[in-house]
Amino acid sequence: MSYNVHTLRIADGSSTNRLDSLGLKFMSQVAYLGGNGDPSAIAAGTPGAGYQTIPTVAYANKGSGASATAVANMGVVSATVAAGGTGYTNGAQTLTGVSGTGTKFQAAVTVAGGIVTAVNSITVAGVYTVMPTLSGEATTGGGGTGATLNLSMGVVSYTASYGSSNHQYPQGTTATLTGGTPTTAAVPGAVTVASVAGQGSTIAVTGLTLPPKYVFLPGDMGQAGDSYLTNRTQSGFTINIVPALTTQVLAAGSLDYALLY
C-alpha cells in the first residue's frame, strides 16, 4: 500500500525546499532463501528413454566463478528380446546384463520352449557410468545361453561434485541436460544447495512504479544480517541479504521493508 504525507514538522536546520509530499510504500514478509553455497545433490527427476550416449549435466543461474560439476548415471528403462537363445528353463526367469561399467541391470523374462520370448519388466535398472551395449546386449542367468536384449537407457541418478566452486550457487539453482540423442529427454530433479558460512541471498523485486530516486528502509530480518539494494530501476530492484558474520550461515527467512520517495 502507499501513503501520502502532506504535513511535515520542520526540525531546526531542515528545509522543505522542493519537497511538498512524502511517499511511503511498505511491503511486509518478503521471503528470501538461504545463503548461497555448493550443489551437493540432484534429485533423480524423470529418466527419459532412448539415450545413445551419456548426456552432459550443467547448472543454471550460477554465480560468477562457480565451477561445480555433475554427471548423469544411466540405467535401463526398458528392453526387448533381440535373440531368444537356447536351453533356458521354461517359465519366469531373470537375466542380467554383462557389459558397461557400474551396477548391471536385471530383467524379468518369459521362457517358452527353452527360448526367451518376452521381457516382462526391468527389475533392476542398474547404475552405469559407461554405457552397456544397446543393441544385442549379452546376458547371464535363466539356465541357458545366447539370449540378447535391445536396451533403452535413461538417467536414473546424478553424482554432484562442487570442487572449488567458489560457493556461488543460489538456493533454487536448477540442473540441465544436453546431448545423448534421447527419444524422450530426462528431466533432472531439484538441486540441493548446501549453504556456506558468510554467503548471502538475493530477492528480485519487479513490477513496481517508482520515481527515479528512492530510499530503502529495511526492517527486522529475524537474524543477524544486513541488506542493501542493487539494480535500482523505476520498476524494481534487487535486495541483497548478507549475514553479519563470515562464520554465520544465512537461514531462509523474510524481511519487512519500506520505500521512501
Protein backbone atom coordinates (compact mmCIF):
# COMPACT_ATOMS: atom_id res chain seq x y z
CA MET A 1 0.00 0.00 0.00
CA SER A 2 1.07 3.64 -0.41
CA TYR A 3 0.70 6.63 1.87
CA ASN A 4 0.99 10.31 1.02
CA VAL A 5 2.10 12.51 3.88
CA HIS A 6 1.18 16.18 3.27
CA THR A 7 2.02 17.66 6.64
CA LEU A 8 5.60 17.69 7.90
CA ARG A 9 7.01 19.13 11.10
CA ILE A 10 10.16 21.03 10.23
CA ALA A 11 13.11 20.40 12.53
CA ASP A 12 15.57 23.21 13.19
CA GLY A 13 18.03 23.46 10.32
CA SER A 14 15.82 21.49 7.95
CA SER A 15 14.21 22.62 4.73
CA THR A 16 11.23 21.56 2.65
CA ASN A 17 12.73 23.07 -0.48
CA ARG A 18 11.42 21.01 -3.49
CA LEU A 19 9.60 18.64 -1.16
CA ASP A 20 5.87 19.08 -0.72
CA SER A 21 4.92 15.45 -0.15
CA LEU A 22 6.44 12.22 1.14
CA GLY A 23 5.58 8.87 -0.44
CA LEU A 24 5.92 5.64 1.50
CA LYS A 25 5.49 2.13 0.10
CA PHE A 26 5.57 -0.67 2.66
CA MET A 27 5.94 -4.38 1.98
CA SER A 28 5.99 -7.00 4.72
CA GLN A 29 7.14 -10.60 4.98
CA VAL A 30 9.03 -10.64 1.69
CA ALA A 31 10.57 -14.11 1.68
CA TYR A 32 14.21 -14.79 0.92
CA LEU A 33 16.04 -18.07 0.58
CA GLY A 34 19.05 -19.33 2.49
CA GLY A 35 22.56 -18.27 1.62
CA ASN A 36 24.46 -19.27 -1.48
CA GLY A 37 26.58 -22.39 -1.40
CA ASP A 38 27.53 -25.52 -3.32
CA PRO A 39 25.37 -28.13 -5.08
CA SER A 40 25.50 -31.30 -3.01
CA ALA A 41 22.91 -33.44 -4.84
CA ILE A 42 20.49 -33.55 -7.76
CA ALA A 43 17.25 -35.49 -7.35
CA ALA A 44 16.55 -38.21 -9.93
CA GLY A 45 13.60 -36.49 -11.63
CA THR A 46 12.29 -38.33 -14.70
CA PRO A 47 14.66 -40.73 -16.53
CA GLY A 48 13.69 -40.22 -20.16
CA ALA A 49 14.41 -43.00 -22.64
CA GLY A 50 16.42 -43.96 -25.68
CA TYR A 51 19.73 -42.32 -24.76
CA GLN A 52 22.55 -43.30 -27.11
CA THR A 53 25.32 -41.67 -25.06
CA ILE A 54 25.58 -40.17 -21.58
CA PRO A 55 24.26 -36.58 -21.58
CA THR A 56 26.16 -33.63 -20.16
CA VAL A 57 24.90 -32.04 -16.92
CA ALA A 58 25.17 -28.31 -16.24
CA TYR A 59 23.85 -25.92 -13.60
CA ALA A 60 21.74 -22.89 -14.44
CA ASN A 61 21.63 -19.50 -12.62
CA LYS A 62 25.08 -19.92 -11.10
CA GLY A 63 27.19 -17.01 -9.96
CA SER A 64 30.49 -15.69 -11.24
CA GLY A 65 33.39 -18.10 -10.81
CA ALA A 66 31.18 -21.08 -10.00
CA SER A 67 32.69 -24.37 -11.19
CA ALA A 68 30.65 -27.22 -9.73
CA THR A 69 30.13 -30.28 -11.94
CA ALA A 70 27.77 -33.25 -12.08
CA VAL A 71 27.47 -36.45 -14.09
CA ALA A 72 24.42 -38.41 -15.15
CA ASN A 73 24.24 -42.07 -14.17
CA MET A 74 22.41 -44.22 -16.69
CA GLY A 75 20.07 -47.17 -16.25
CA VAL A 76 17.92 -49.45 -18.38
CA VAL A 77 14.31 -48.26 -18.53
CA SER A 78 13.00 -50.88 -20.96
CA ALA A 79 14.22 -53.77 -23.13
CA THR A 80 13.09 -56.10 -25.89
CA VAL A 81 14.30 -59.51 -27.00
CA ALA A 82 16.97 -59.38 -29.70
CA ALA A 83 17.77 -63.13 -29.67
CA GLY A 84 16.00 -65.80 -27.63
CA GLY A 85 18.99 -68.11 -27.10
CA THR A 86 18.60 -71.80 -26.20
CA GLY A 87 18.41 -74.10 -23.20
CA TYR A 88 16.61 -71.73 -20.81
CA THR A 89 14.32 -73.05 -18.08
CA ASN A 90 10.70 -72.55 -19.04
CA GLY A 91 8.66 -70.03 -17.10
CA ALA A 92 9.65 -66.76 -15.42
CA GLN A 93 13.40 -66.14 -15.32
CA THR A 94 15.79 -63.30 -14.57
CA LEU A 95 18.52 -62.18 -16.96
CA THR A 96 21.43 -59.91 -16.02
CA GLY A 97 23.43 -57.67 -18.36
CA VAL A 98 27.17 -58.11 -18.78
CA SER A 99 28.68 -55.03 -20.49
CA GLY A 100 29.16 -51.42 -19.39
CA THR A 101 30.66 -50.05 -16.18
CA GLY A 102 28.66 -49.99 -12.97
CA THR A 103 25.79 -51.94 -11.44
CA LYS A 104 24.29 -54.20 -14.12
CA PHE A 105 20.60 -54.26 -14.99
CA GLN A 106 18.28 -57.22 -14.38
CA ALA A 107 15.24 -58.09 -16.46
CA ALA A 108 12.31 -60.38 -15.69
CA VAL A 109 11.66 -62.50 -18.80
CA THR A 110 9.37 -65.29 -20.01
CA VAL A 111 10.88 -68.51 -21.37
CA ALA A 112 8.92 -70.94 -23.56
CA GLY A 113 10.40 -73.97 -25.28
CA GLY A 114 13.80 -73.11 -23.82
CA ILE A 115 13.80 -69.73 -25.61
CA VAL A 116 13.44 -66.23 -24.11
CA THR A 117 10.27 -64.94 -25.71
CA ALA A 118 9.48 -61.68 -23.88
CA VAL A 119 10.83 -59.10 -21.44
CA ASN A 120 8.19 -58.52 -18.77
CA SER A 121 9.88 -55.77 -16.77
CA ILE A 122 13.18 -54.25 -15.71
CA THR A 123 13.56 -55.24 -12.06
CA VAL A 124 16.95 -53.55 -11.57
CA ALA A 125 17.73 -50.58 -13.81
CA GLY A 126 21.41 -50.64 -12.99
CA VAL A 127 23.66 -47.62 -12.49
CA TYR A 128 26.06 -47.15 -15.40
CA THR A 129 28.92 -44.68 -15.73
CA VAL A 130 29.89 -46.26 -19.06
CA MET A 131 27.01 -47.34 -21.30
CA PRO A 132 26.35 -51.06 -21.94
CA THR A 133 25.79 -52.45 -25.42
CA LEU A 134 22.45 -51.06 -26.56
CA SER A 135 21.70 -53.40 -29.44
CA GLY A 136 22.03 -57.09 -28.63
CA GLU A 137 23.33 -56.85 -25.06
CA ALA A 138 24.55 -60.27 -23.87
CA THR A 139 23.06 -61.66 -20.65
CA THR A 140 23.60 -64.28 -17.98
CA GLY A 141 21.11 -66.29 -15.92
CA GLY A 142 17.99 -68.29 -16.64
CA GLY A 143 19.82 -71.58 -17.20
CA GLY A 144 20.51 -71.11 -20.93
CA THR A 145 22.82 -69.31 -23.32
CA GLY A 146 22.69 -66.85 -26.18
CA ALA A 147 19.81 -64.59 -25.17
CA THR A 148 20.47 -60.94 -26.02
CA LEU A 149 18.37 -57.83 -25.40
CA ASN A 150 17.94 -54.44 -27.00
CA LEU A 151 18.15 -51.75 -24.31
CA SER A 152 16.57 -48.34 -23.88
CA MET A 153 18.60 -46.17 -21.48
CA GLY A 154 17.56 -43.32 -19.21
CA VAL A 155 19.09 -41.16 -16.49
CA VAL A 156 18.47 -42.83 -13.13
CA SER A 157 20.59 -40.66 -10.82
CA TYR A 158 23.18 -37.90 -10.67
CA THR A 159 26.52 -37.51 -8.95
CA ALA A 160 27.25 -33.90 -7.92
CA SER A 161 30.74 -32.60 -7.22
CA TYR A 162 31.44 -28.96 -6.42
CA GLY A 163 35.23 -28.88 -6.05
CA SER A 164 36.35 -25.24 -5.93
CA SER A 165 33.01 -23.79 -6.95
CA ASN A 166 33.51 -20.51 -5.06
CA HIS A 167 30.16 -21.04 -3.29
CA GLN A 168 28.28 -19.04 -5.91
CA TYR A 169 25.16 -21.16 -6.32
CA PRO A 170 21.88 -19.69 -5.01
CA GLN A 171 19.13 -21.75 -3.46
CA GLY A 172 16.82 -22.73 -6.32
CA THR A 173 19.66 -23.49 -8.73
CA THR A 174 18.49 -25.91 -11.44
CA ALA A 175 20.25 -28.58 -13.49
CA THR A 176 20.01 -29.02 -17.26
CA LEU A 177 20.92 -31.84 -19.66
CA THR A 178 22.32 -31.66 -23.17
CA GLY A 179 23.26 -34.37 -25.66
CA GLY A 180 22.68 -38.10 -25.68
CA THR A 181 20.12 -38.00 -28.55
CA PRO A 182 17.27 -39.50 -26.49
CA THR A 183 13.84 -40.36 -27.80
CA THR A 184 12.43 -38.83 -24.59
CA ALA A 185 14.59 -36.37 -22.69
CA ALA A 186 15.22 -36.84 -18.97
CA VAL A 187 14.32 -34.00 -16.60
CA PRO A 188 16.63 -33.55 -13.59
CA GLY A 189 15.01 -33.12 -10.20
CA ALA A 190 15.65 -30.38 -7.66
CA VAL A 191 19.22 -29.35 -6.88
CA THR A 192 20.20 -29.33 -3.21
CA VAL A 193 22.48 -26.39 -2.46
CA ALA A 194 24.38 -26.58 0.83
CA SER A 195 24.60 -23.06 2.27
CA VAL A 196 28.07 -21.86 3.16
CA ALA A 197 29.02 -19.55 6.04
CA GLY A 198 29.31 -15.91 5.09
CA GLN A 199 27.32 -16.24 1.85
CA GLY A 200 24.31 -14.07 1.13
CA SER A 201 21.00 -14.30 -0.71
CA THR A 202 19.06 -12.04 -3.10
CA ILE A 203 15.44 -11.08 -3.76
CA ALA A 204 14.45 -9.65 -7.15
CA VAL A 205 11.55 -7.19 -6.74
CA THR A 206 9.82 -6.26 -10.01
CA GLY A 207 6.59 -4.77 -11.35
CA LEU A 208 6.71 -1.53 -9.35
CA THR A 209 6.19 2.06 -10.45
CA LEU A 210 8.73 4.22 -8.70
CA PRO A 211 10.31 7.67 -9.07
CA PRO A 212 13.89 7.94 -10.30
CA LYS A 213 15.21 8.23 -6.74
CA TYR A 214 14.04 6.43 -3.62
CA VAL A 215 15.35 5.24 -0.27
CA PHE A 216 15.22 1.65 1.01
CA LEU A 217 14.30 1.23 4.68
CA PRO A 218 14.82 -2.40 5.81
CA GLY A 219 13.03 -3.89 8.78
CA ASP A 220 13.82 -6.79 11.08
CA MET A 221 15.34 -9.86 9.39
CA GLY A 222 14.87 -12.13 12.39
CA GLN A 223 18.59 -12.94 12.37
CA ALA A 224 21.86 -11.03 12.42
CA GLY A 225 22.47 -9.56 8.98
CA ASP A 226 22.36 -6.59 6.66
CA SER A 227 20.50 -5.69 3.48
CA TYR A 228 21.13 -3.28 0.61
CA LEU A 229 19.84 -2.58 -2.91
CA THR A 230 21.40 -3.11 -6.33
CA ASN A 231 19.99 -2.92 -9.87
CA ARG A 232 17.78 0.03 -9.00
CA THR A 233 15.26 0.98 -11.67
CA GLN A 234 11.85 2.63 -11.65
CA SER A 235 10.22 -0.79 -11.98
CA GLY A 236 12.14 -2.64 -9.29
CA PHE A 237 15.43 -3.58 -7.69
CA THR A 238 17.36 -6.43 -6.09
CA ILE A 239 17.56 -6.77 -2.33
CA ASN A 240 20.83 -8.31 -1.18
CA ILE A 241 20.79 -10.10 2.19
CA VAL A 242 24.10 -10.85 3.88
CA PRO A 243 24.88 -12.46 7.26
CA ALA A 244 26.50 -10.24 9.86
CA LEU A 245 29.49 -12.55 10.33
CA THR A 246 31.58 -14.56 7.89
CA THR A 247 31.11 -17.54 10.22
CA GLN A 248 27.31 -17.29 10.09
CA VAL A 249 25.16 -19.40 7.76
CA LEU A 250 22.25 -17.36 6.47
CA ALA A 251 18.95 -19.15 7.04
CA ALA A 252 15.84 -18.69 4.92
CA GLY A 253 13.53 -16.02 6.32
CA SER A 254 11.52 -12.93 5.49
CA LEU A 255 12.11 -9.20 5.51
CA ASP A 256 9.89 -6.19 6.07
CA TYR A 257 10.88 -3.09 4.11
CA ALA A 258 9.64 0.33 3.13
CA LEU A 259 10.47 2.66 0.26
CA LEU A 260 10.65 6.38 0.88
CA TYR A 261 10.45 8.79 -2.05
